[in-house]
Amino acid sequence: MKVVRFCLADYLDTNGISRYSLAKRTGIQYHVIDSYYKNKVYRLDGYNLGRIIEALDCQLTDILTVTEE
């Protein structure tokens, strides 16, 4: 079974961006960003994903991966 996982933590850590900073850039509450960071999201919100990739100026594939479980 294939599973979509966030690799937002790797991206932020590599680029020296804090979760707090990303929350401020996107207008998304910190606890929501923290859930994405810790890969504890069960339903993806397309609107939030769009705001995150726009704020980071990255591609969706930079913060999401598909793995085999």
Protein backbone atom coordinates (compact mmCIF):
# COMPACT_ATOMS: atom_id res chain seq x y z
CA MET A 1 0.00 0.00 0.00
CA LYS A 2 1.31 3.45 -0.88
CA VAL A 3 1.26 6.18 1.73
CA VAL A 4 1.79 9.93 1.34
CA ARG A 5 4.15 11.31 3.97
CA PHE A 6 5.33 14.81 4.76
CA CYS A 7 9.03 15.55 4.63
CA LEU A 8 8.44 19.16 5.69
CA ALA A 9 10.76 18.71 8.69
CA ASP A 10 13.68 17.83 6.41
CA TYR A 11 12.95 20.74 4.09
CA LEU A 12 12.66 23.31 6.90
CA ASP A 13 15.72 22.02 8.74
CA THR A 14 17.83 21.99 5.56
CA ASN A 15 16.82 25.55 4.72
CA GLY A 16 17.05 26.92 8.27
CA ILE A 17 13.36 27.84 8.51
CA SER A 18 11.51 27.48 11.80
CA ARG A 19 7.95 26.25 12.18
CA TYR A 20 7.09 29.57 13.81
CA SER A 21 8.47 31.48 10.83
CA LEU A 22 6.50 29.31 8.40
CA ALA A 23 3.33 29.85 10.44
CA LYS A 24 3.85 33.62 10.23
CA ARG A 25 4.58 33.50 6.45
CA THR A 26 1.50 31.41 5.68
CA GLY A 27 -1.00 32.68 8.24
CA ILE A 28 -1.60 29.05 9.27
CA GLN A 29 -1.77 28.42 13.01
CA TYR A 30 1.43 27.07 14.57
CA HIS A 31 -0.18 23.84 15.81
CA VAL A 32 -1.28 23.02 12.25
CA ILE A 33 2.24 23.63 10.88
CA ASP A 34 3.59 21.53 13.77
CA SER A 35 1.28 18.66 12.74
CA TYR A 36 2.62 18.80 9.17
CA TYR A 37 6.18 19.00 10.54
CA LYS A 38 5.68 15.92 12.73
CA ASN A 39 3.81 14.08 9.94
CA LYS A 40 0.70 13.76 12.11
CA VAL A 41 -1.81 14.88 9.48
CA TYR A 42 -4.50 12.41 8.42
CA ARG A 43 -6.31 14.59 5.86
CA LEU A 44 -4.48 16.88 3.49
CA ASP A 45 -5.85 20.38 3.09
CA GLY A 46 -5.15 21.60 -0.44
CA TYR A 47 -5.54 25.23 0.57
CA ASN A 48 -2.94 24.93 3.33
CA LEU A 49 -0.59 22.99 1.07
CA GLY A 50 -0.84 25.76 -1.51
CA ARG A 51 -0.02 28.40 1.10
CA ILE A 52 2.96 26.40 2.35
CA ILE A 53 4.53 25.81 -1.07
CA GLU A 54 3.93 29.44 -2.01
CA ALA A 55 5.57 30.69 1.21
CA LEU A 56 8.53 28.34 0.75
CA ASP A 57 8.75 28.91 -3.01
CA CYS A 58 9.06 25.17 -3.54
CA GLN A 59 7.32 22.32 -5.33
CA LEU A 60 4.84 19.95 -3.71
CA THR A 61 7.32 17.11 -4.22
CA ASP A 62 9.81 18.97 -2.01
CA ILE A 63 7.59 18.52 1.05
CA LEU A 64 5.65 15.31 0.23
CA THR A 65 6.84 11.80 -0.55
CA VAL A 66 5.05 8.61 -1.48
CA THR A 67 6.31 5.49 0.27
CA GLU A 68 5.41 1.83 0.25
CA GLU A 69 4.04 0.59 3.56
